[in-house]
Protein backbone atom coordinates (compact mmCIF):
# COMPACT_ATOMS: atom_id res chain seq x y z
CA MET A 1 0.00 0.00 0.00
CA ARG A 2 2.83 2.43 0.85
CA ARG A 3 4.27 1.93 -2.63
CA LEU A 4 0.95 2.65 -4.33
CA LEU A 5 0.29 5.93 -2.54
CA PRO A 6 3.03 7.94 -4.37
CA LEU A 7 1.83 6.51 -7.70
CA LEU A 8 -1.74 7.54 -6.88
CA PHE A 9 -0.64 11.10 -6.01
CA ALA A 10 1.38 11.31 -9.24
CA ALA A 11 -1.61 10.14 -11.30
CA VAL A 12 -3.96 12.66 -9.65
CA SER A 13 -1.42 15.46 -10.13
CA GLN A 14 -0.94 14.60 -13.80
CA ALA A 15 -4.71 14.47 -14.40
CA ALA A 16 -5.13 17.88 -12.76
CA SER A 17 -2.50 19.45 -15.00
CA ALA A 18 -4.11 17.92 -18.12
CA ASN A 19 -6.94 20.47 -17.80
CA PRO A 20 -5.44 23.95 -17.48
CA PRO A 21 -7.73 26.68 -16.17
CA ALA A 22 -10.10 28.14 -18.74
CA VAL A 23 -10.01 31.78 -19.82
CA THR A 24 -12.08 33.93 -22.12
CA LEU A 25 -10.31 35.82 -24.92
CA HIS A 26 -11.35 39.38 -25.88
CA THR A 27 -10.04 42.12 -28.12
CA GLU A 28 -9.88 45.84 -27.59
CA PHE A 29 -11.87 46.20 -30.84
CA THR A 30 -14.91 44.15 -29.79
CA GLY A 31 -14.63 44.88 -26.05
CA ARG A 32 -14.96 42.75 -22.95
CA ASN A 33 -18.56 41.77 -23.73
CA HIS A 34 -17.54 39.76 -26.80
CA CYS A 35 -15.47 36.58 -26.56
CA LEU A 36 -13.65 34.36 -29.02
CA ASP A 37 -16.11 31.53 -29.63
CA ILE A 38 -16.62 28.39 -31.70
CA VAL A 39 -19.58 28.42 -34.11
CA ASN A 40 -21.88 25.59 -33.01
CA ALA A 41 -22.67 24.34 -36.52
CA ASP A 42 -21.35 21.89 -39.11
CA ASN A 43 -17.88 20.71 -38.09
CA ARG A 44 -17.63 22.99 -35.03
CA ASP A 45 -14.31 24.28 -36.34
CA GLN A 46 -15.08 27.91 -37.24
CA LEU A 47 -14.34 30.85 -34.93
CA HIS A 48 -16.01 34.20 -34.41
CA MET A 49 -16.55 36.84 -31.75
CA ALA A 50 -19.83 36.43 -29.89
CA ARG A 51 -21.55 37.90 -26.86
CA CYS A 52 -19.88 36.44 -23.78
CA GLY A 53 -21.73 33.84 -21.74
CA ARG A 54 -21.09 30.60 -19.91
CA TYR A 55 -20.49 28.65 -23.13
CA SER A 56 -17.87 25.93 -23.43
CA GLY A 57 -16.89 27.30 -26.87
CA GLN A 58 -15.66 30.44 -25.09
CA MET A 59 -13.72 28.53 -22.41
CA TRP A 60 -10.20 28.53 -23.83
CA GLU A 61 -7.41 26.46 -22.37
CA ILE A 62 -3.88 27.71 -22.92
CA ALA A 63 -1.66 24.63 -22.88
CA PRO A 64 2.09 25.32 -22.86
CA ASP A 65 4.15 23.37 -25.36
CA ALA A 66 6.84 21.50 -23.44
CA GLU A 67 9.55 22.11 -26.03
CA ASN A 68 9.41 25.91 -26.49
CA SER A 69 7.72 29.17 -25.47
CA PHE A 70 4.64 28.51 -27.60
CA VAL A 71 1.19 27.41 -26.44
CA ARG A 72 -1.69 25.43 -27.91
CA LEU A 73 -5.16 26.97 -27.74
CA ARG A 74 -8.17 24.71 -27.35
CA THR A 75 -11.72 25.01 -26.02
CA ARG A 76 -13.73 22.90 -23.65
CA PHE A 77 -16.42 22.69 -26.39
CA THR A 78 -14.22 20.99 -28.98
CA GLY A 79 -12.11 19.17 -26.36
CA ALA A 80 -8.44 18.56 -25.71
CA ASP A 81 -7.98 16.87 -29.10
CA MET A 82 -8.81 19.99 -31.16
CA CYS A 83 -6.43 22.97 -31.39
CA LEU A 84 -6.55 26.42 -32.99
CA ASP A 85 -4.79 25.98 -36.33
CA VAL A 86 -3.92 27.89 -39.50
CA VAL A 87 -5.50 26.72 -42.76
CA ASN A 88 -2.49 25.89 -44.95
CA ASP A 89 -3.94 27.12 -48.27
CA GLY A 90 -1.18 29.37 -49.58
CA ALA A 91 -2.74 32.57 -48.21
CA ASN A 92 -2.45 31.18 -44.68
CA ASP A 93 -4.75 33.79 -43.18
CA GLN A 94 -7.70 31.62 -42.13
CA VAL A 95 -7.89 29.88 -38.75
CA HIS A 96 -10.02 26.99 -37.59
CA MET A 97 -10.09 24.21 -35.03
CA ALA A 98 -8.32 21.05 -36.19
CA SER A 99 -7.15 17.79 -34.66
CA CYS A 100 -4.14 18.53 -32.50
CA ALA A 101 -0.93 17.43 -34.20
CA ASN A 102 2.75 18.17 -34.24
CA VAL A 103 2.38 21.09 -36.69
CA THR A 104 3.64 24.66 -36.39
CA GLY A 105 0.25 26.19 -37.29
CA GLN A 106 -1.00 25.09 -33.87
CA LEU A 107 1.83 26.61 -31.87
CA TRP A 108 0.89 30.13 -30.77
CA HIS A 109 2.96 32.84 -29.12
CA MET A 110 1.49 35.56 -26.90
CA ASP A 111 3.47 38.82 -27.11
CA GLN A 112 2.84 41.58 -24.59
CA THR A 113 1.96 44.69 -26.64
CA GLY A 114 2.77 47.37 -24.11
CA PRO A 115 2.03 48.51 -20.58
CA GLY A 116 -1.64 47.44 -20.75
CA PRO A 117 -3.17 43.96 -20.74
CA GLY A 118 -3.00 43.56 -24.52
CA LEU A 119 -1.41 40.51 -26.12
CA ARG A 120 -0.71 39.80 -29.77
CA LEU A 121 -1.23 36.20 -30.87
CA TRP A 122 0.89 34.84 -33.71
CA ASN A 123 1.84 31.31 -34.61
CA GLN A 124 5.05 29.56 -35.49
CA PHE A 125 3.89 28.64 -39.03
CA THR A 126 3.20 32.17 -40.31
CA GLY A 127 5.62 33.90 -37.93
CA PRO A 128 5.45 37.16 -35.96
CA GLY A 129 4.38 39.17 -39.03
CA LYS A 130 0.79 37.81 -39.00
CA CYS A 131 -1.40 38.23 -35.94
CA LEU A 132 -4.81 36.90 -34.93
CA ASP A 133 -7.23 39.69 -35.84
CA ILE A 134 -10.93 40.55 -36.03
CA VAL A 135 -12.31 41.33 -39.50
CA ASN A 136 -13.61 44.92 -39.42
CA ASP A 137 -16.91 44.28 -41.20
CA GLY A 138 -19.30 43.64 -38.30
CA SER A 139 -19.28 39.86 -38.87
CA GLY A 140 -17.10 38.97 -35.89
CA ARG A 141 -14.95 36.75 -38.13
CA VAL A 142 -11.44 35.97 -36.99
CA GLN A 143 -8.42 35.71 -39.29
CA LEU A 144 -4.67 36.28 -39.48
CA ALA A 145 -3.59 39.68 -40.77
CA SER A 146 -0.38 41.70 -40.96
CA CYS A 147 0.53 42.74 -37.45
CA GLY A 148 0.10 46.42 -36.67
CA HIS A 149 -1.36 48.81 -34.16
CA TYR A 150 -4.94 47.56 -34.60
CA SER A 151 -7.39 47.14 -31.74
CA GLY A 152 -8.59 43.84 -33.25
CA GLN A 153 -5.13 42.40 -32.59
CA TYR A 154 -4.92 43.45 -28.94
CA TRP A 155 -6.18 40.43 -27.02
CA SER A 156 -6.76 40.06 -23.32
CA ARG A 157 -7.67 37.03 -21.29
CA ARG A 158 -9.89 36.84 -18.28
CA GLY A 159 -10.24 33.90 -15.92
CA PHE A 160 -13.52 32.09 -16.29
CA ARG A 161 -15.74 32.40 -13.23
């Protein structure tokens, strides 16, 4: 029994770290009342900004990648097996949820943008020149765009209560 107790504690500790705390993601452009969300239709892989609520598609887990300073972004709605990814179509400006894999389009970096809470999100595949952005057409669509001083690229995260 004494030998099993440390193994039990290790298993419980590992299971607890498998589910990082959830946060909501907002931009300066859409404000704190709109959250990055998964569209609950078709393949459940499309993203948009939606009114915040207690929805699992808005509960983002930021999972550090063990090998570098990047993170994987996933939601409780799509589960631990689906990660935010770049559509590799040549333009490489569309994002969606895809099966987690060892690909650079799923490794995201969060850069502090200044003294405030803003973060820029870019991924290893497209590099620091393309940031996660909100399309400025009222649709709430999310895409990658050239990084700049745009409020749709200033993200903040808030712990989910």
